[in-house]
Amino acid sequence: MNAGQIIVTILHVLISISMVVIVLLQSGKSAGLSGTIAGGAETFFGKNKGRTLDAILSKYTSVVAIAFIITSAILVLIL
């Protein structure tokens, strides 16, 4: 293994761990009819929909997932 492979592998492992942590930090969706009504009202009438913790974690999840796919492709190409 050369230095590039080691660096990409370490980066891939760190991204994998961060993705697991970010997904676990997100709150689960409420099940049932009461959760549907309360969740719909909260998102419809909420003023800071984009600034909530769930919205921020959702954006970070997307970024980390894209980074995971990119590092996976790089690892396939160099190994």
N, C-alpha and C. Protein backbone atom coordinates (compact mmCIF):
# COMPACT_ATOMS: atom_id res chain seq x y z
N MET A 1 0.84 -1.18 0.00
CA MET A 1 0.00 0.00 0.00
C MET A 1 0.88 1.24 0.00
N ASN A 2 0.54 2.16 -0.85
CA ASN A 2 1.29 3.42 -0.84
C ASN A 2 0.57 4.44 0.04
N ALA A 3 1.14 5.62 0.14
CA ALA A 3 0.61 6.64 1.04
C ALA A 3 -0.78 7.11 0.64
N GLY A 4 -1.06 7.18 -0.67
CA GLY A 4 -2.37 7.62 -1.14
C GLY A 4 -3.48 6.68 -0.72
N GLN A 5 -3.22 5.38 -0.83
CA GLN A 5 -4.21 4.39 -0.43
C GLN A 5 -4.49 4.45 1.06
N ILE A 6 -3.45 4.64 1.84
CA ILE A 6 -3.61 4.72 3.29
C ILE A 6 -4.42 5.95 3.67
N ILE A 7 -4.12 7.08 3.05
CA ILE A 7 -4.83 8.32 3.36
C ILE A 7 -6.31 8.21 2.99
N VAL A 8 -6.60 7.66 1.81
CA VAL A 8 -8.00 7.53 1.38
C VAL A 8 -8.74 6.52 2.26
N THR A 9 -8.07 5.45 2.66
CA THR A 9 -8.70 4.47 3.54
C THR A 9 -9.02 5.06 4.90
N ILE A 10 -8.11 5.82 5.48
CA ILE A 10 -8.36 6.47 6.77
C ILE A 10 -9.49 7.48 6.65
N LEU A 11 -9.49 8.25 5.56
CA LEU A 11 -10.56 9.22 5.32
C LEU A 11 -11.91 8.51 5.17
N HIS A 12 -11.92 7.39 4.48
CA HIS A 12 -13.15 6.61 4.28
C HIS A 12 -13.69 6.09 5.62
N VAL A 13 -12.82 5.61 6.47
CA VAL A 13 -13.24 5.11 7.78
C VAL A 13 -13.80 6.25 8.63
N LEU A 14 -13.14 7.40 8.62
CA LEU A 14 -13.64 8.55 9.38
C LEU A 14 -15.00 9.03 8.87
N ILE A 15 -15.18 9.03 7.56
CA ILE A 15 -16.46 9.42 6.98
C ILE A 15 -17.54 8.41 7.35
N SER A 16 -17.19 7.13 7.36
CA SER A 16 -18.15 6.09 7.73
C SER A 16 -18.62 6.25 9.17
N ILE A 17 -17.68 6.49 10.05
CA ILE A 17 -18.03 6.67 11.46
C ILE A 17 -18.86 7.93 11.66
N SER A 18 -18.51 9.02 10.97
CA SER A 18 -19.28 10.24 11.12
C SER A 18 -20.69 10.08 10.56
N MET A 19 -20.85 9.30 9.48
CA MET A 19 -22.19 9.08 8.95
C MET A 19 -23.05 8.31 9.94
N VAL A 20 -22.49 7.31 10.57
CA VAL A 20 -23.23 6.55 11.57
C VAL A 20 -23.66 7.45 12.72
N VAL A 21 -22.74 8.29 13.19
CA VAL A 21 -23.05 9.18 14.32
C VAL A 21 -24.13 10.19 13.93
N ILE A 22 -24.03 10.77 12.75
CA ILE A 22 -25.01 11.77 12.31
C ILE A 22 -26.39 11.14 12.17
N VAL A 23 -26.46 9.95 11.62
CA VAL A 23 -27.75 9.28 11.46
C VAL A 23 -28.34 8.93 12.82
N LEU A 24 -27.52 8.51 13.75
CA LEU A 24 -28.02 8.18 15.08
C LEU A 24 -28.47 9.42 15.86
N LEU A 25 -27.92 10.58 15.56
CA LEU A 25 -28.32 11.80 16.25
C LEU A 25 -29.67 12.32 15.77
N GLN A 26 -30.10 11.91 14.59
CA GLN A 26 -31.38 12.39 14.07
C GLN A 26 -32.53 11.77 14.84
N SER A 27 -33.60 12.56 15.01
CA SER A 27 -34.76 12.04 15.73
C SER A 27 -35.59 11.20 14.79
N GLY A 28 -36.24 10.20 15.35
CA GLY A 28 -37.08 9.33 14.55
C GLY A 28 -38.39 10.00 14.22
N LYS A 29 -39.02 9.52 13.16
CA LYS A 29 -40.32 10.05 12.77
C LYS A 29 -41.39 9.44 13.67
N SER A 30 -42.33 10.26 14.12
CA SER A 30 -43.41 9.77 14.98
C SER A 30 -44.34 8.88 14.18
N ALA A 31 -44.73 7.79 14.79
CA ALA A 31 -45.61 6.86 14.11
C ALA A 31 -47.05 7.10 14.55
N GLY A 32 -47.97 6.75 13.73
CA GLY A 32 -49.37 6.86 14.07
C GLY A 32 -49.99 8.15 13.59
N LEU A 33 -51.30 8.26 13.81
CA LEU A 33 -52.06 9.40 13.33
C LEU A 33 -51.71 10.68 14.08
N SER A 34 -51.48 10.59 15.38
CA SER A 34 -51.16 11.80 16.16
C SER A 34 -49.81 12.37 15.75
N GLY A 35 -48.86 11.52 15.45
CA GLY A 35 -47.56 11.99 14.99
C GLY A 35 -47.64 12.64 13.62
N THR A 36 -48.53 12.14 12.78
CA THR A 36 -48.69 12.71 11.45
C THR A 36 -49.29 14.10 11.53
N ILE A 37 -50.30 14.27 12.36
CA ILE A 37 -50.95 15.57 12.49
C ILE A 37 -50.02 16.57 13.15
N ALA A 38 -49.37 16.17 14.21
CA ALA A 38 -48.46 17.09 14.92
C ALA A 38 -47.26 17.44 14.06
N GLY A 39 -46.71 16.47 13.35
CA GLY A 39 -45.57 16.74 12.49
C GLY A 39 -45.91 17.65 11.33
N GLY A 40 -47.09 17.47 10.75
CA GLY A 40 -47.51 18.32 9.64
C GLY A 40 -47.72 19.75 10.09
N ALA A 41 -48.33 19.93 11.24
CA ALA A 41 -48.55 21.29 11.75
C ALA A 41 -47.24 21.95 12.11
N GLU A 42 -46.33 21.17 12.64
CA GLU A 42 -45.03 21.74 13.03
C GLU A 42 -44.24 22.22 11.82
N THR A 43 -44.26 21.46 10.75
CA THR A 43 -43.50 21.87 9.57
C THR A 43 -44.22 22.97 8.79
N PHE A 44 -45.55 22.99 8.86
CA PHE A 44 -46.30 24.00 8.10
C PHE A 44 -46.21 25.36 8.77
N PHE A 45 -46.33 25.38 10.08
CA PHE A 45 -46.34 26.65 10.79
C PHE A 45 -44.99 27.05 11.36
N GLY A 46 -43.99 26.20 11.23
CA GLY A 46 -42.68 26.51 11.78
C GLY A 46 -42.00 27.64 11.01
N LYS A 47 -41.46 28.61 11.75
CA LYS A 47 -40.81 29.76 11.10
C LYS A 47 -39.40 29.43 10.65
N ASN A 48 -38.69 28.67 11.43
CA ASN A 48 -37.28 28.38 11.15
C ASN A 48 -37.11 26.92 10.75
N LYS A 49 -37.78 26.53 9.69
CA LYS A 49 -37.73 25.13 9.26
C LYS A 49 -36.31 24.73 8.86
N GLY A 50 -35.58 25.63 8.23
CA GLY A 50 -34.24 25.30 7.78
C GLY A 50 -33.19 25.39 8.85
N ARG A 51 -33.54 25.92 10.01
CA ARG A 51 -32.56 26.12 11.07
C ARG A 51 -32.70 25.15 12.23
N THR A 52 -33.61 24.22 12.14
CA THR A 52 -33.77 23.26 13.22
C THR A 52 -32.62 22.25 13.18
N LEU A 53 -32.44 21.59 14.28
CA LEU A 53 -31.35 20.61 14.38
C LEU A 53 -31.54 19.47 13.38
N ASP A 54 -32.80 19.05 13.21
CA ASP A 54 -33.06 17.97 12.25
C ASP A 54 -32.72 18.39 10.83
N ALA A 55 -33.01 19.64 10.47
CA ALA A 55 -32.70 20.12 9.13
C ALA A 55 -31.19 20.19 8.90
N ILE A 56 -30.47 20.65 9.91
CA ILE A 56 -29.01 20.74 9.80
C ILE A 56 -28.41 19.34 9.69
N LEU A 57 -28.89 18.42 10.52
CA LEU A 57 -28.37 17.05 10.46
C LEU A 57 -28.71 16.39 9.13
N SER A 58 -29.86 16.72 8.57
CA SER A 58 -30.22 16.17 7.27
C SER A 58 -29.27 16.66 6.18
N LYS A 59 -28.92 17.94 6.24
CA LYS A 59 -27.97 18.47 5.26
C LYS A 59 -26.60 17.84 5.43
N TYR A 60 -26.15 17.69 6.67
CA TYR A 60 -24.85 17.05 6.92
C TYR A 60 -24.86 15.61 6.46
N THR A 61 -25.99 14.92 6.64
CA THR A 61 -26.09 13.53 6.19
C THR A 61 -25.90 13.44 4.68
N SER A 62 -26.50 14.37 3.95
CA SER A 62 -26.34 14.37 2.49
C SER A 62 -24.89 14.60 2.08
N VAL A 63 -24.24 15.55 2.74
CA VAL A 63 -22.85 15.86 2.41
C VAL A 63 -21.94 14.68 2.71
N VAL A 64 -22.14 14.07 3.88
CA VAL A 64 -21.30 12.94 4.28
C VAL A 64 -21.57 11.73 3.38
N ALA A 65 -22.82 11.52 2.98
CA ALA A 65 -23.14 10.40 2.09
C ALA A 65 -22.47 10.57 0.73
N ILE A 66 -22.45 11.79 0.21
CA ILE A 66 -21.77 12.04 -1.06
C ILE A 66 -20.27 11.82 -0.92
N ALA A 67 -19.70 12.28 0.20
CA ALA A 67 -18.27 12.05 0.44
C ALA A 67 -17.97 10.56 0.57
N PHE A 68 -18.88 9.81 1.19
CA PHE A 68 -18.71 8.36 1.32
C PHE A 68 -18.70 7.69 -0.04
N ILE A 69 -19.61 8.09 -0.92
CA ILE A 69 -19.66 7.51 -2.26
C ILE A 69 -18.40 7.84 -3.05
N ILE A 70 -17.93 9.08 -2.92
CA ILE A 70 -16.72 9.48 -3.64
C ILE A 70 -15.50 8.70 -3.15
N THR A 71 -15.34 8.59 -1.83
CA THR A 71 -14.20 7.84 -1.31
C THR A 71 -14.30 6.36 -1.64
N SER A 72 -15.52 5.83 -1.69
CA SER A 72 -15.70 4.43 -2.09
C SER A 72 -15.25 4.22 -3.53
N ALA A 73 -15.64 5.13 -4.41
CA ALA A 73 -15.23 5.02 -5.81
C ALA A 73 -13.72 5.15 -5.96
N ILE A 74 -13.12 6.08 -5.21
CA ILE A 74 -11.67 6.23 -5.27
C ILE A 74 -10.97 4.97 -4.79
N LEU A 75 -11.49 4.38 -3.72
CA LEU A 75 -10.87 3.15 -3.21
C LEU A 75 -10.98 2.01 -4.23
N VAL A 76 -12.10 1.92 -4.92
CA VAL A 76 -12.24 0.88 -5.95
C VAL A 76 -11.24 1.11 -7.07
N LEU A 77 -11.04 2.35 -7.44
CA LEU A 77 -10.13 2.64 -8.55
C LEU A 77 -8.66 2.44 -8.21
N ILE A 78 -8.27 2.71 -6.95
CA ILE A 78 -6.84 2.63 -6.63
C ILE A 78 -6.44 1.30 -6.00
N LEU A 79 -7.39 0.49 -5.58
CA LEU A 79 -7.00 -0.79 -4.97
C LEU A 79 -6.99 -1.91 -5.94
